[in-house]
C-alpha atoms as a PDB file:
ATOM      1  CA  MET A   1       0.000   0.000   0.000  1.00  0.00           C
ATOM      2  CA  LEU A   2       2.773   2.423   0.951  1.00  0.00           C
ATOM      3  CA  ASN A   3       4.743   1.550  -2.173  1.00  0.00           C
ATOM      4  CA  GLN A   4       1.701   2.306  -4.331  1.00  0.00           C
ATOM      5  CA  GLU A   5       1.271   5.721  -2.677  1.00  0.00           C
ATOM      6  CA  ILE A   6       4.954   6.502  -3.179  1.00  0.00           C
ATOM      7  CA  GLU A   7       4.693   5.468  -6.844  1.00  0.00           C
ATOM      8  CA  GLU A   8       1.663   7.764  -7.293  1.00  0.00           C
ATOM      9  CA  ILE A   9       3.570  10.665  -5.748  1.00  0.00           C
ATOM     10  CA  ILE A  10       6.541  10.013  -8.040  1.00  0.00           C
ATOM     11  CA  VAL A  11       4.278   9.800 -11.102  1.00  0.00           C
ATOM     12  CA  ASN A  12       2.560  13.079 -10.133  1.00  0.00           C
ATOM     13  CA  LEU A  13       5.910  14.773  -9.593  1.00  0.00           C
ATOM     14  CA  GLU A  14       7.125  13.600 -13.005  1.00  0.00           C
ATOM     15  CA  ILE A  15       3.932  14.828 -14.672  1.00  0.00           C
ATOM     16  CA  ASN A  16       4.193  18.231 -12.961  1.00  0.00           C
ATOM     17  CA  ALA A  17       7.903  18.499 -13.832  1.00  0.00           C
ATOM     18  CA  ARG A  18       7.161  17.841 -17.511  1.00  0.00           C
ATOM     19  CA  LYS A  19       4.220  20.228 -17.436  1.00  0.00           C
ATOM     20  CA  LEU A  20       6.339  22.943 -15.810  1.00  0.00           C
ATOM     21  CA  ALA A  21       9.162  22.455 -18.311  1.00  0.00           C
ATOM     22  CA  THR A  22       6.716  22.590 -21.231  1.00  0.00           C
ATOM     23  CA  LEU A  23       4.932  25.692 -19.943  1.00  0.00           C
ATOM     24  CA  ILE A  24       8.186  27.534 -19.283  1.00  0.00           C
ATOM     25  CA  TYR A  25       9.566  26.519 -22.675  1.00  0.00           C
ATOM     26  CA  HIS A  26       6.455  27.703 -24.539  1.00  0.00           C
ATOM     27  CA  SER A  27       6.045  30.842 -22.451  1.00  0.00           C
ATOM     28  CA  THR A  28       6.480  34.216 -24.125  1.00  0.00           C
ATOM     29  CA  MET A  29       8.522  35.579 -21.233  1.00  0.00           C
ATOM     30  CA  PRO A  30      12.137  36.528 -21.978  1.00  0.00           C
ATOM     31  CA  ASP A  31      14.779  33.797 -21.747  1.00  0.00           C
ATOM     32  CA  GLU A  32      16.413  35.481 -18.725  1.00  0.00           C
ATOM     33  CA  VAL A  33      13.133  35.255 -16.821  1.00  0.00           C
ATOM     34  CA  LYS A  34      12.670  31.628 -17.847  1.00  0.00           C
ATOM     35  CA  GLU A  35      16.171  30.834 -16.584  1.00  0.00           C
ATOM     36  CA  SER A  36      15.442  32.608 -13.302  1.00  0.00           C
ATOM     37  CA  TRP A  37      12.304  30.553 -12.732  1.00  0.00           C
ATOM     38  CA  ILE A  38      14.126  27.337 -13.587  1.00  0.00           C
ATOM     39  CA  SER A  39      16.903  28.159 -11.129  1.00  0.00           C
ATOM     40  CA  MET A  40      14.369  28.932  -8.372  1.00  0.00           C
ATOM     41  CA  VAL A  41      12.300  25.752  -8.742  1.00  0.00           C
ATOM     42  CA  PRO A  42      14.584  23.556  -6.590  1.00  0.00           C
ATOM     43  CA  GLU A  43      14.189  26.061  -3.718  1.00  0.00           C
ATOM     44  CA  MET A  44      10.395  26.254  -4.008  1.00  0.00           C
ATOM     45  CA  SER A  45       7.869  24.384  -1.906  1.00  0.00           C
ATOM     46  CA  VAL A  46       5.350  22.050  -3.528  1.00  0.00           C
ATOM     47  CA  GLU A  47       2.619  24.654  -2.971  1.00  0.00           C
ATOM     48  CA  GLN A  48       4.717  27.361  -4.647  1.00  0.00           C
ATOM     49  CA  ILE A  49       5.384  25.087  -7.614  1.00  0.00           C
ATOM     50  CA  ASP A  50       1.660  24.319  -7.877  1.00  0.00           C
ATOM     51  CA  ARG A  51       0.864  28.045  -7.867  1.00  0.00           C
ATOM     52  CA  LEU A  52       3.521  28.675 -10.512  1.00  0.00           C
ATOM     53  CA  LEU A  53       2.081  25.852 -12.627  1.00  0.00           C
ATOM     54  CA  ASN A  54      -1.419  27.312 -12.321  1.00  0.00           C
ATOM     55  CA  ILE A  55      -0.228  30.794 -13.271  1.00  0.00           C
ATOM     56  CA  LEU A  56       1.791  29.574 -16.253  1.00  0.00           C
ATOM     57  CA  GLU A  57      -1.060  27.347 -17.396  1.00  0.00           C
ATOM     58  CA  ALA A  58      -3.579  30.202 -17.205  1.00  0.00           C
ATOM     59  CA  LYS A  59      -1.216  32.517 -19.101  1.00  0.00           C
ATOM     60  CA  TYR A  60      -0.581  29.856 -21.738  1.00  0.00           C
ATOM     61  CA  LEU A  61      -4.305  29.232 -22.234  1.00  0.00           C
ATOM     62  CA  ASP A  62      -4.996  32.963 -22.372  1.00  0.00           C
ATOM     63  CA  GLU A  63      -2.376  33.418 -25.092  1.00  0.00           C
ATOM     64  CA  LYS A  64      -3.622  30.427 -27.084  1.00  0.00           C
ATOM     65  CA  THR A  65      -7.278  31.458 -26.938  1.00  0.00           C
ATOM     66  CA  ARG A  66      -6.861  35.196 -27.486  1.00  0.00           C
ATOM     67  CA  ASP A  67      -7.392  34.937 -31.256  1.00  0.00           C
ATOM     68  CA  ILE A  68     -10.333  32.615 -30.749  1.00  0.00           C
ATOM     69  CA  ASP A  69     -12.029  35.227 -28.543  1.00  0.00           C
ATOM     70  CA  VAL A  70     -11.595  37.864 -31.253  1.00  0.00           C
ATOM     71  CA  GLU A  71     -12.842  35.456 -33.922  1.00  0.00           C
ATOM     72  CA  TYR A  72     -15.989  34.584 -31.941  1.00  0.00           C
ATOM     73  CA  LYS A  73     -16.681  38.209 -31.078  1.00  0.00           C
ATOM     74  CA  GLU A  74     -16.576  38.999 -34.805  1.00  0.00           C
ATOM     75  CA  LYS A  75     -18.906  36.081 -35.598  1.00  0.00           C
ATOM     76  CA  ILE A  76     -21.350  37.145 -32.883  1.00  0.00           C
ATOM     77  CA  LYS A  77     -21.290  40.760 -34.091  1.00  0.00           C
ATOM     78  CA  LYS A  78     -21.996  39.584 -37.641  1.00  0.00           C
ATOM     79  CA  LEU A  79     -24.939  37.472 -36.463  1.00  0.00           C
ATOM     80  CA  VAL A  80     -26.346  40.340 -34.392  1.00  0.00           C
ATOM     81  CA  ASP A  81     -26.014  42.705 -37.359  1.00  0.00           C
ATOM     82  CA  GLU A  82     -27.789  40.201 -39.624  1.00  0.00           C
ATOM     83  CA  LEU A  83     -30.591  39.761 -37.090  1.00  0.00           C
ATOM     84  CA  ASN A  84     -30.970  43.527 -36.707  1.00  0.00           C
ATOM     85  CA  GLU A  85     -31.157  43.939 -40.485  1.00  0.00           C
ATOM     86  CA  LYS A  86     -33.756  41.185 -40.747  1.00  0.00           C
ATOM     87  CA  LYS A  87     -35.802  42.761 -37.943  1.00  0.00           C
ATOM     88  CA  PHE A  88     -35.587  46.146 -39.653  1.00  0.00           C
ATOM     89  CA  GLN A  89     -36.832  44.636 -42.919  1.00  0.00           C
ATOM     90  CA  GLU A  90     -39.669  42.840 -41.138  1.00  0.00           C
ATOM     91  CA  ASP A  91     -40.639  46.063 -39.365  1.00  0.00           C
ATOM     92  CA  GLU A  92     -40.674  47.879 -42.713  1.00  0.00           C
ATOM     93  CA  GLU A  93     -42.928  45.168 -44.178  1.00  0.00           C
ATOM     94  CA  PHE A  94     -45.217  45.382 -41.175  1.00  0.00           C
ATOM     95  CA  ILE A  95     -45.475  49.175 -41.530  1.00  0.00           C
ATOM     96  CA  LYS A  96     -46.376  48.766 -45.222  1.00  0.00           C
ATOM     97  CA  LEU A  97     -49.067  46.250 -44.331  1.00  0.00           C
ATOM     98  CA  LEU A  98     -50.468  48.547 -41.664  1.00  0.00           C
ATOM     99  CA  LYS A  99     -50.556  51.416 -44.175  1.00  0.00           C
ATOM    100  CA  LYS A 100     -52.424  49.255 -46.681  1.00  0.00           C
ATOM    101  CA  LEU A 101     -54.881  48.192 -43.996  1.00  0.00           C
ATOM    102  CA  SER A 102     -55.317  51.807 -42.968  1.00  0.00           C
ATOM    103  CA  ASP A 103     -55.942  52.814 -46.584  1.00  0.00           C
ATOM    104  CA  LEU A 104     -58.488  50.034 -47.004  1.00  0.00           C
ATOM    105  CA  LEU A 105     -60.332  51.084 -43.887  1.00  0.00           C
ATOM    106  CA  ASP A 106     -60.018  54.784 -44.740  1.00  0.00           C
ATOM    107  CA  LEU A 107     -58.455  55.600 -41.399  1.00  0.00           C
END
């Protein structure tokens, strides 16, 4: 039982080490900053490393999804514009129908 728990801890540490290395490598921060973080990792507590992982992961995801946000905002704006145009046209048709009805009833 104890050996299994130790193996799980080792596996988790290896996964986090690979994740940290990947996130630092792909980060847009300057190389000097990357090197500073790498040199500080051995001195950091597990909680500090977890926080660093979370921060780097959030920054990475933000950078990777930034263009997607812009793309979807443009798509949504286009759809809203199309719906507004369609509503305007329907309102114009409705006004024409009301005018015809008014003319027929001599109002």
